[in-house]
Structures are given as C-alpha cells and as structure tokens.
Amino acid sequence: MGRPQDRNGEGGRTELPITPMVDIVFNLLIFFLVVTDLTQKDLEDITLPEATQAVPEGPTGERRYIVNLNRDGELHFRGQRVSLRELAAQLDHLVRLDDLDRIGRPGGEGEGSRLLILVRAGAAVPSLHVQWLLQELARGRLRKIEFGVEFPEAR
C-alpha cells in the first residue's frame, strides 16, 4: 500500500495556510476592543440618584446623546470636558444636521429636534447646575430629555 496521492499525483498532505486566518482573528479582536471602548466613552463614573418609580429604558430609534454632569458642575459630552457654551454649540450643530436630515420628509418641520438627550447628573449635583443645563437644552430646541437614574435593586 502506498501513500495517498493528491491531485497533482504527488504523495503527502496538503496544508491549510493558517497565517491569513490568524491575521483575520487578530483584526477582529482589535476591532471589537476598539468598538467596546468607544461605546463606554460617554458613560462617566457618576453616582446617579436612586429612583423607585422610574421606567426602565427601552430600545429607541432616535439618536441619543449623553451629557454627564458631575458634582463640581463639570459637563462631559462625547468623552470630553466642555463648558456650557461649548455644549450648546455642539448640540446646535447636531440639531442643524438633524434638520437637514428631515428636509423633504413628512412631518419634518416644526416642533423641535428629534434628538434624544440623556442627562446623567450625579446625586450630589446642585439643582442649580441641572437647571442651567435644562435651560440651555430648551434654548437649543431640544425637547426629548431623559434623566439617568439607578434602580435600588440593581445594586
């Protein structure tokens, strides 16, 4: 009995090139690490107020942006510390882009932006800082605002 022969009539085993597969696996690993880091970038480490009557967040088809407000009154938006004026300018730009996106669509005119703003204000943040932030959001035609809270049983 002889050795099995391949298509070319030569004996031996054919080898599967593994280097390209290893390259693909490493590229996928890097991609998922980067994407995971980017999704957590907007969530600052803030102790949120507890709410017993809050409705848990469900899926939404709207564009949601997160504004973090810590106890020192510092605002963080898209992973960067910003002033109230800088936040207003960035949100105004996003509202204008949203308006351009709605041109020609039914119901696209009127009542304000479709953008959803999630305000994550720490439990120790003075209410005056939250009031200033809400006034600025209202000036920017932002009407859909949610507040981030913790559920007591989640601990």
N, C-alpha and C. Protein backbone atom coordinates (compact mmCIF):
# COMPACT_ATOMS: atom_id res chain seq x y z
N MET A 1 0.83 -1.17 0.00
CA MET A 1 0.00 0.00 0.00
C MET A 1 0.87 1.24 0.00
N GLY A 2 0.51 2.15 -0.80
CA GLY A 2 1.29 3.36 -0.90
C GLY A 2 0.64 4.52 -0.15
N ARG A 3 1.32 5.63 -0.18
CA ARG A 3 0.79 6.84 0.45
C ARG A 3 -0.31 7.43 -0.42
N PRO A 4 -1.30 8.08 0.20
CA PRO A 4 -2.33 8.71 -0.63
C PRO A 4 -1.72 9.81 -1.50
N GLN A 5 -2.29 9.98 -2.64
CA GLN A 5 -1.78 10.98 -3.56
C GLN A 5 -2.75 12.14 -3.69
N ASP A 6 -2.20 13.33 -3.86
CA ASP A 6 -3.07 14.48 -4.07
C ASP A 6 -3.40 14.64 -5.54
N ARG A 7 -4.06 15.72 -5.90
CA ARG A 7 -4.49 15.94 -7.28
C ARG A 7 -3.36 15.91 -8.28
N ASN A 8 -2.22 16.42 -7.90
CA ASN A 8 -1.09 16.52 -8.82
C ASN A 8 -0.35 15.20 -8.93
N GLY A 9 -0.81 14.19 -8.24
CA GLY A 9 -0.15 12.91 -8.31
C GLY A 9 1.02 12.77 -7.36
N GLU A 10 1.26 13.81 -6.54
CA GLU A 10 2.35 13.76 -5.60
C GLU A 10 1.83 13.24 -4.27
N GLY A 11 2.61 12.49 -3.57
CA GLY A 11 2.20 11.98 -2.27
C GLY A 11 2.36 13.04 -1.20
N GLY A 12 1.69 12.87 -0.09
CA GLY A 12 1.84 13.79 1.03
C GLY A 12 0.53 14.51 1.36
N ARG A 13 0.62 15.35 2.35
CA ARG A 13 -0.54 16.08 2.82
C ARG A 13 -0.54 17.50 2.26
N THR A 14 -1.72 17.98 2.04
CA THR A 14 -1.84 19.39 1.70
C THR A 14 -2.06 20.16 3.00
N GLU A 15 -1.45 21.30 3.10
CA GLU A 15 -1.57 22.10 4.32
C GLU A 15 -2.46 23.31 4.07
N LEU A 16 -3.22 23.61 5.07
CA LEU A 16 -4.08 24.78 5.02
C LEU A 16 -3.28 25.97 5.55
N PRO A 17 -3.17 27.04 4.75
CA PRO A 17 -2.39 28.20 5.23
C PRO A 17 -3.12 28.86 6.41
N ILE A 18 -2.50 28.88 7.56
CA ILE A 18 -3.14 29.38 8.77
C ILE A 18 -2.82 30.84 9.05
N THR A 19 -1.77 31.36 8.47
CA THR A 19 -1.37 32.75 8.74
C THR A 19 -2.47 33.75 8.40
N PRO A 20 -3.13 33.67 7.24
CA PRO A 20 -4.20 34.64 6.96
C PRO A 20 -5.36 34.55 7.98
N MET A 21 -5.67 33.34 8.43
CA MET A 21 -6.74 33.19 9.42
C MET A 21 -6.35 33.83 10.75
N VAL A 22 -5.11 33.68 11.15
CA VAL A 22 -4.65 34.30 12.40
C VAL A 22 -4.71 35.82 12.27
N ASP A 23 -4.32 36.34 11.10
CA ASP A 23 -4.40 37.79 10.86
C ASP A 23 -5.85 38.29 10.98
N ILE A 24 -6.78 37.56 10.41
CA ILE A 24 -8.19 37.96 10.47
C ILE A 24 -8.69 37.93 11.90
N VAL A 25 -8.34 36.91 12.65
CA VAL A 25 -8.78 36.81 14.05
C VAL A 25 -8.23 37.98 14.86
N PHE A 26 -6.97 38.31 14.68
CA PHE A 26 -6.40 39.44 15.42
C PHE A 26 -7.05 40.76 15.03
N ASN A 27 -7.33 40.95 13.74
CA ASN A 27 -8.01 42.17 13.30
C ASN A 27 -9.41 42.27 13.90
N LEU A 28 -10.15 41.17 13.95
CA LEU A 28 -11.47 41.18 14.57
C LEU A 28 -11.38 41.49 16.06
N LEU A 29 -10.39 40.92 16.71
CA LEU A 29 -10.20 41.16 18.14
C LEU A 29 -9.93 42.65 18.40
N ILE A 30 -9.05 43.24 17.62
CA ILE A 30 -8.75 44.66 17.77
C ILE A 30 -9.99 45.50 17.49
N PHE A 31 -10.74 45.16 16.45
CA PHE A 31 -11.95 45.90 16.12
C PHE A 31 -12.94 45.89 17.29
N PHE A 32 -13.20 44.73 17.86
CA PHE A 32 -14.17 44.65 18.96
C PHE A 32 -13.67 45.35 20.22
N LEU A 33 -12.38 45.34 20.47
CA LEU A 33 -11.85 46.07 21.61
C LEU A 33 -12.03 47.58 21.44
N VAL A 34 -11.78 48.07 20.24
CA VAL A 34 -11.92 49.50 19.98
C VAL A 34 -13.39 49.92 20.05
N VAL A 35 -14.28 49.14 19.45
CA VAL A 35 -15.71 49.47 19.46
C VAL A 35 -16.25 49.44 20.88
N THR A 36 -15.86 48.47 21.68
CA THR A 36 -16.32 48.40 23.06
C THR A 36 -15.86 49.62 23.84
N ASP A 37 -14.63 50.04 23.62
CA ASP A 37 -14.11 51.22 24.31
C ASP A 37 -14.88 52.48 23.90
N LEU A 38 -15.23 52.62 22.64
CA LEU A 38 -15.94 53.80 22.16
C LEU A 38 -17.36 53.87 22.72
N THR A 39 -18.02 52.72 22.91
CA THR A 39 -19.37 52.76 23.42
C THR A 39 -19.40 53.13 24.90
N GLN A 40 -18.34 52.88 25.64
CA GLN A 40 -18.28 53.22 27.05
C GLN A 40 -17.73 54.61 27.30
N LYS A 41 -17.25 55.27 26.27
CA LYS A 41 -16.61 56.57 26.40
C LYS A 41 -17.56 57.64 26.93
N ASP A 42 -18.84 57.55 26.58
CA ASP A 42 -19.81 58.55 27.00
C ASP A 42 -20.29 58.37 28.44
N LEU A 43 -20.03 57.23 29.04
CA LEU A 43 -20.53 56.97 30.38
C LEU A 43 -19.45 57.27 31.42
N GLU A 44 -19.58 58.43 32.04
CA GLU A 44 -18.65 58.82 33.10
C GLU A 44 -18.99 58.05 34.37
N ASP A 45 -18.04 57.95 35.28
CA ASP A 45 -18.26 57.28 36.55
C ASP A 45 -18.96 58.26 37.49
N ILE A 46 -20.29 58.20 37.50
CA ILE A 46 -21.11 59.12 38.28
C ILE A 46 -22.05 58.30 39.16
N THR A 47 -22.22 58.70 40.41
CA THR A 47 -23.20 58.08 41.28
C THR A 47 -24.55 58.73 40.99
N LEU A 48 -25.39 58.00 40.29
CA LEU A 48 -26.68 58.54 39.88
C LEU A 48 -27.67 58.51 41.03
N PRO A 49 -28.68 59.40 41.00
CA PRO A 49 -29.71 59.37 42.04
C PRO A 49 -30.57 58.11 41.91
N GLU A 50 -31.10 57.65 43.03
CA GLU A 50 -31.96 56.46 43.02
C GLU A 50 -33.39 56.87 42.69
N ALA A 51 -34.08 56.01 41.96
CA ALA A 51 -35.48 56.25 41.63
C ALA A 51 -36.24 54.95 41.76
N THR A 52 -37.30 54.97 42.52
CA THR A 52 -38.11 53.76 42.69
C THR A 52 -39.26 53.71 41.69
N GLN A 53 -39.61 54.83 41.09
CA GLN A 53 -40.74 54.89 40.17
C GLN A 53 -40.32 55.03 38.71
N ALA A 54 -39.06 54.93 38.41
CA ALA A 54 -38.57 55.15 37.04
C ALA A 54 -38.98 54.00 36.13
N VAL A 55 -39.11 54.31 34.85
CA VAL A 55 -39.40 53.31 33.84
C VAL A 55 -38.08 52.91 33.20
N PRO A 56 -37.77 51.61 33.17
CA PRO A 56 -36.50 51.18 32.55
C PRO A 56 -36.45 51.58 31.08
N GLU A 57 -35.25 51.88 30.65
CA GLU A 57 -35.02 52.32 29.28
C GLU A 57 -35.29 51.19 28.30
N GLY A 58 -36.03 51.49 27.27
CA GLY A 58 -36.30 50.53 26.21
C GLY A 58 -35.59 50.94 24.94
N PRO A 59 -35.64 50.10 23.92
CA PRO A 59 -35.00 50.47 22.67
C PRO A 59 -35.71 51.65 22.02
N THR A 60 -34.93 52.50 21.42
CA THR A 60 -35.48 53.67 20.76
C THR A 60 -34.80 53.83 19.41
N GLY A 61 -35.56 54.32 18.44
CA GLY A 61 -35.00 54.53 17.12
C GLY A 61 -34.40 55.91 16.94
N GLU A 62 -34.41 56.71 18.00
CA GLU A 62 -33.91 58.07 17.91
C GLU A 62 -32.42 58.12 18.19
N ARG A 63 -31.81 59.20 17.71
CA ARG A 63 -30.39 59.42 18.01
C ARG A 63 -30.29 59.94 19.43
N ARG A 64 -29.50 59.25 20.25
CA ARG A 64 -29.38 59.64 21.65
C ARG A 64 -27.96 60.10 21.93
N TYR A 65 -27.86 61.21 22.63
CA TYR A 65 -26.57 61.74 23.05
C TYR A 65 -26.57 61.85 24.56
N ILE A 66 -25.43 61.58 25.16
CA ILE A 66 -25.32 61.55 26.61
C ILE A 66 -24.54 62.76 27.10
N VAL A 67 -25.12 63.48 28.07
CA VAL A 67 -24.46 64.60 28.72
C VAL A 67 -24.26 64.22 30.18
N ASN A 68 -23.03 64.21 30.64
CA ASN A 68 -22.71 63.90 32.03
C ASN A 68 -22.43 65.18 32.79
N LEU A 69 -22.99 65.28 33.99
CA LEU A 69 -22.80 66.45 34.84
C LEU A 69 -22.37 65.95 36.21
N ASN A 70 -21.13 66.30 36.62
CA ASN A 70 -20.67 65.81 37.92
C ASN A 70 -20.88 66.85 39.00
N ARG A 71 -20.56 66.49 40.23
CA ARG A 71 -20.88 67.36 41.38
C ARG A 71 -20.17 68.70 41.36
N ASP A 72 -19.06 68.81 40.62
CA ASP A 72 -18.34 70.08 40.52
C ASP A 72 -18.93 71.00 39.44
N GLY A 73 -19.99 70.53 38.79
CA GLY A 73 -20.60 71.31 37.73
C GLY A 73 -19.91 71.14 36.39
N GLU A 74 -19.00 70.17 36.29
CA GLU A 74 -18.30 69.93 35.02
C GLU A 74 -19.19 69.12 34.09
N LEU A 75 -19.25 69.56 32.84
CA LEU A 75 -20.01 68.86 31.81
C LEU A 75 -19.07 68.02 30.97
N HIS A 76 -19.50 66.81 30.64
CA HIS A 76 -18.74 65.93 29.75
C HIS A 76 -19.67 65.48 28.64
N PHE A 77 -19.22 65.69 27.41
CA PHE A 77 -20.01 65.33 26.24
C PHE A 77 -19.11 64.66 25.23
N ARG A 78 -19.48 63.49 24.80
CA ARG A 78 -18.70 62.70 23.85
C ARG A 78 -17.28 62.45 24.34
N GLY A 79 -17.16 62.18 25.63
CA GLY A 79 -15.87 61.83 26.20
C GLY A 79 -14.94 62.99 26.50
N GLN A 80 -15.41 64.23 26.32
CA GLN A 80 -14.57 65.40 26.56
C GLN A 80 -15.25 66.36 27.51
N ARG A 81 -14.45 67.03 28.32
CA ARG A 81 -14.98 68.06 29.21
C ARG A 81 -15.28 69.30 28.37
N VAL A 82 -16.48 69.85 28.55
CA VAL A 82 -16.90 71.02 27.78
C VAL A 82 -17.55 72.03 28.71
N SER A 83 -17.53 73.28 28.28
CA SER A 83 -18.26 74.33 29.01
C SER A 83 -19.71 74.30 28.53
N LEU A 84 -20.56 75.01 29.23
CA LEU A 84 -21.97 75.08 28.84
C LEU A 84 -22.11 75.70 27.46
N ARG A 85 -21.29 76.69 27.17
CA ARG A 85 -21.31 77.36 25.85
C ARG A 85 -20.86 76.40 24.75
N GLU A 86 -19.79 75.63 25.01
CA GLU A 86 -19.31 74.66 24.02
C GLU A 86 -20.34 73.56 23.79
N LEU A 87 -20.98 73.10 24.87
CA LEU A 87 -22.02 72.09 24.73
C LEU A 87 -23.16 72.62 23.87
N ALA A 88 -23.58 73.86 24.13
CA ALA A 88 -24.66 74.47 23.35
C ALA A 88 -24.30 74.53 21.87
N ALA A 89 -23.05 74.88 21.57
CA ALA A 89 -22.62 74.97 20.16
C ALA A 89 -22.62 73.59 19.51
N GLN A 90 -22.13 72.58 20.21
CA GLN A 90 -22.11 71.23 19.64
C GLN A 90 -23.52 70.69 19.43
N LEU A 91 -24.40 70.91 20.41
CA LEU A 91 -25.77 70.44 20.27
C LEU A 91 -26.51 71.21 19.17
N ASP A 92 -26.23 72.50 19.02
CA ASP A 92 -26.83 73.28 17.95
C ASP A 92 -26.42 72.72 16.60
N HIS A 93 -25.17 72.35 16.48
CA HIS A 93 -24.68 71.74 15.23
C HIS A 93 -25.41 70.42 14.96
N LEU A 94 -25.60 69.60 15.99
CA LEU A 94 -26.30 68.33 15.82
C LEU A 94 -27.77 68.54 15.45
N VAL A 95 -28.39 69.56 16.03
CA VAL A 95 -29.79 69.87 15.70
C VAL A 95 -29.89 70.30 14.24
N ARG A 96 -28.95 71.14 13.78
CA ARG A 96 -28.98 71.57 12.38
C ARG A 96 -28.79 70.39 11.44
N LEU A 97 -27.90 69.47 11.78
CA LEU A 97 -27.73 68.26 10.96
C LEU A 97 -29.00 67.43 10.93
N ASP A 98 -29.66 67.35 12.08
CA ASP A 98 -30.92 66.61 12.15
C ASP A 98 -31.99 67.29 11.30
N ASP A 99 -32.03 68.62 11.31
CA ASP A 99 -32.98 69.37 10.48
C ASP A 99 -32.73 69.09 8.99
N LEU A 100 -31.46 69.10 8.59
CA LEU A 100 -31.12 68.81 7.19
C LEU A 100 -31.53 67.40 6.81
N ASP A 101 -31.42 66.47 7.75
CA ASP A 101 -31.78 65.08 7.50
C ASP A 101 -33.29 64.94 7.29
N ARG A 102 -34.06 65.82 7.92
CA ARG A 102 -35.53 65.71 7.85
C ARG A 102 -36.14 66.45 6.67
N ILE A 103 -35.36 67.22 5.93
CA ILE A 103 -35.92 68.00 4.82
C ILE A 103 -36.57 67.06 3.81
N GLY A 104 -37.78 67.39 3.46
CA GLY A 104 -38.50 66.59 2.47
C GLY A 104 -39.25 65.41 3.06
N ARG A 105 -39.11 65.14 4.34
CA ARG A 105 -39.85 64.04 4.95
C ARG A 105 -41.16 64.56 5.53
N PRO A 106 -42.22 63.76 5.50
CA PRO A 106 -43.47 64.22 6.09
C PRO A 106 -43.33 64.46 7.58
N GLY A 107 -43.87 65.57 8.04
CA GLY A 107 -43.80 65.90 9.47
C GLY A 107 -42.43 66.36 9.90
N GLY A 108 -41.58 66.71 8.95
CA GLY A 108 -40.22 67.09 9.28
C GLY A 108 -40.04 68.51 9.76
N GLU A 109 -41.07 69.32 9.63
CA GLU A 109 -40.98 70.73 10.03
C GLU A 109 -41.61 70.92 11.39
N GLY A 110 -41.20 71.96 12.09
CA GLY A 110 -41.91 72.33 13.31
C GLY A 110 -41.25 71.93 14.59
N GLU A 111 -42.02 71.61 15.53
CA GLU A 111 -41.87 71.43 16.96
C GLU A 111 -40.51 71.16 17.60
N GLY A 112 -39.45 71.12 16.94
CA GLY A 112 -38.17 70.90 17.59
C GLY A 112 -37.46 69.66 17.08
N SER A 113 -36.35 69.39 17.67
CA SER A 113 -35.49 68.32 17.20
C SER A 113 -35.98 66.95 17.65
N ARG A 114 -35.60 65.92 16.90
CA ARG A 114 -35.90 64.54 17.26
C ARG A 114 -34.80 63.95 18.13
N LEU A 115 -33.72 64.67 18.32
CA LEU A 115 -32.60 64.15 19.09
C LEU A 115 -33.02 63.90 20.54
N LEU A 116 -32.53 62.82 21.10
CA LEU A 116 -32.81 62.47 22.48
C LEU A 116 -31.55 62.72 23.30
N ILE A 117 -31.69 63.47 24.37
CA ILE A 117 -30.56 63.79 25.24
C ILE A 117 -30.75 63.05 26.56
N LEU A 118 -29.76 62.26 26.93
CA LEU A 118 -29.77 61.58 28.23
C LEU A 118 -28.86 62.38 29.16
N VAL A 119 -29.45 62.95 30.20
CA VAL A 119 -28.70 63.73 31.18
C VAL A 119 -28.37 62.81 32.34
N ARG A 120 -27.09 62.63 32.58
CA ARG A 120 -26.63 61.83 33.71
C ARG A 120 -26.00 62.78 34.71
N ALA A 121 -26.81 63.21 35.68
CA ALA A 121 -26.34 64.14 36.71
C ALA A 121 -26.17 63.36 38.00
N GLY A 122 -25.03 63.53 38.64
CA GLY A 122 -24.75 62.83 39.88
C GLY A 122 -25.73 63.21 40.98
N ALA A 123 -25.89 62.33 41.94
CA ALA A 123 -26.83 62.55 43.04
C ALA A 123 -26.45 63.79 43.85
N ALA A 124 -25.16 64.14 43.91
CA ALA A 124 -24.70 65.28 44.71
C ALA A 124 -24.62 66.59 43.92
N VAL A 125 -25.09 66.59 42.67
CA VAL A 125 -25.02 67.79 41.85
C VAL A 125 -26.08 68.79 42.33
N PRO A 126 -25.67 70.03 42.58
CA PRO A 126 -26.66 71.05 42.97
C PRO A 126 -27.71 71.22 41.88
N SER A 127 -28.96 71.40 42.28
CA SER A 127 -30.06 71.51 41.31
C SER A 127 -29.88 72.72 40.40
N LEU A 128 -29.17 73.74 40.85
CA LEU A 128 -28.94 74.92 40.02
C LEU A 128 -28.17 74.56 38.75
N HIS A 129 -27.18 73.66 38.85
CA HIS A 129 -26.43 73.23 37.66
C HIS A 129 -27.34 72.49 36.69
N VAL A 130 -28.20 71.66 37.20
CA VAL A 130 -29.13 70.92 36.34
C VAL A 130 -30.10 71.90 35.67
N GLN A 131 -30.54 72.91 36.40
CA GLN A 131 -31.46 73.91 35.84
C GLN A 131 -30.79 74.66 34.69
N TRP A 132 -29.53 75.08 34.87
CA TRP A 132 -28.82 75.78 33.80
C TRP A 132 -28.70 74.90 32.56
N LEU A 133 -28.40 73.62 32.78
CA LEU A 133 -28.27 72.69 31.66
C LEU A 133 -29.61 72.54 30.94
N LEU A 134 -30.70 72.37 31.67
CA LEU A 134 -32.01 72.21 31.05
C LEU A 134 -32.43 73.46 30.28
N GLN A 135 -32.11 74.63 30.81
CA GLN A 135 -32.43 75.87 30.10
C GLN A 135 -31.67 75.94 28.78
N GLU A 136 -30.42 75.53 28.80
CA GLU A 136 -29.61 75.56 27.58
C GLU A 136 -30.14 74.55 26.56
N LEU A 137 -30.57 73.38 27.03
CA LEU A 137 -31.13 72.37 26.12
C LEU A 137 -32.43 72.89 25.50
N ALA A 138 -33.26 73.56 26.28
CA ALA A 138 -34.52 74.10 25.76
C ALA A 138 -34.26 75.21 24.74
N ARG A 139 -33.23 76.03 24.98
CA ARG A 139 -32.87 77.07 24.01
C ARG A 139 -32.46 76.48 22.68
N GLY A 140 -31.87 75.31 22.73
CA GLY A 140 -31.40 74.65 21.51
C GLY A 140 -32.46 73.81 20.83
N ARG A 141 -33.73 74.02 21.16
CA ARG A 141 -34.86 73.31 20.56
C ARG A 141 -34.84 71.82 20.85
N LEU A 142 -34.18 71.42 21.92
CA LEU A 142 -34.16 70.01 22.31
C LEU A 142 -35.30 69.76 23.28
N ARG A 143 -36.21 68.89 22.90
CA ARG A 143 -37.40 68.66 23.71
C ARG A 143 -37.46 67.26 24.31
N LYS A 144 -36.66 66.36 23.82
CA LYS A 144 -36.68 64.98 24.31
C LYS A 144 -35.49 64.78 25.23
N ILE A 145 -35.77 64.83 26.52
CA ILE A 145 -34.70 64.74 27.52
C ILE A 145 -35.05 63.65 28.51
N GLU A 146 -34.09 62.78 28.78
CA GLU A 146 -34.25 61.74 29.79
C GLU A 146 -33.20 61.95 30.86
N PHE A 147 -33.48 61.45 32.06
CA PHE A 147 -32.54 61.52 33.16
C PHE A 147 -32.08 60.12 33.52
N GLY A 148 -30.78 59.97 33.68
CA GLY A 148 -30.23 58.69 34.10
C GLY A 148 -30.39 58.52 35.61
N VAL A 149 -30.91 57.38 36.03
CA VAL A 149 -31.09 57.08 37.45
C VAL A 149 -30.65 55.64 37.71
N GLU A 150 -30.47 55.35 38.97
CA GLU A 150 -30.16 53.98 39.40
C GLU A 150 -31.39 53.39 40.04
N PHE A 151 -31.61 52.10 39.80
CA PHE A 151 -32.68 51.39 40.48
C PHE A 151 -32.08 50.78 41.74
N PRO A 152 -32.74 50.90 42.90
CA PRO A 152 -32.18 50.37 44.14
C PRO A 152 -31.86 48.87 44.08
N GLU A 153 -32.67 48.09 43.37
CA GLU A 153 -32.42 46.64 43.31
C GLU A 153 -31.28 46.28 42.38
N ALA A 154 -30.79 47.23 41.59
CA ALA A 154 -29.69 46.96 40.66
C ALA A 154 -28.35 46.83 41.36
N ARG A 155 -28.27 47.23 42.62
CA ARG A 155 -27.00 47.19 43.33
C ARG A 155 -26.64 45.84 43.77
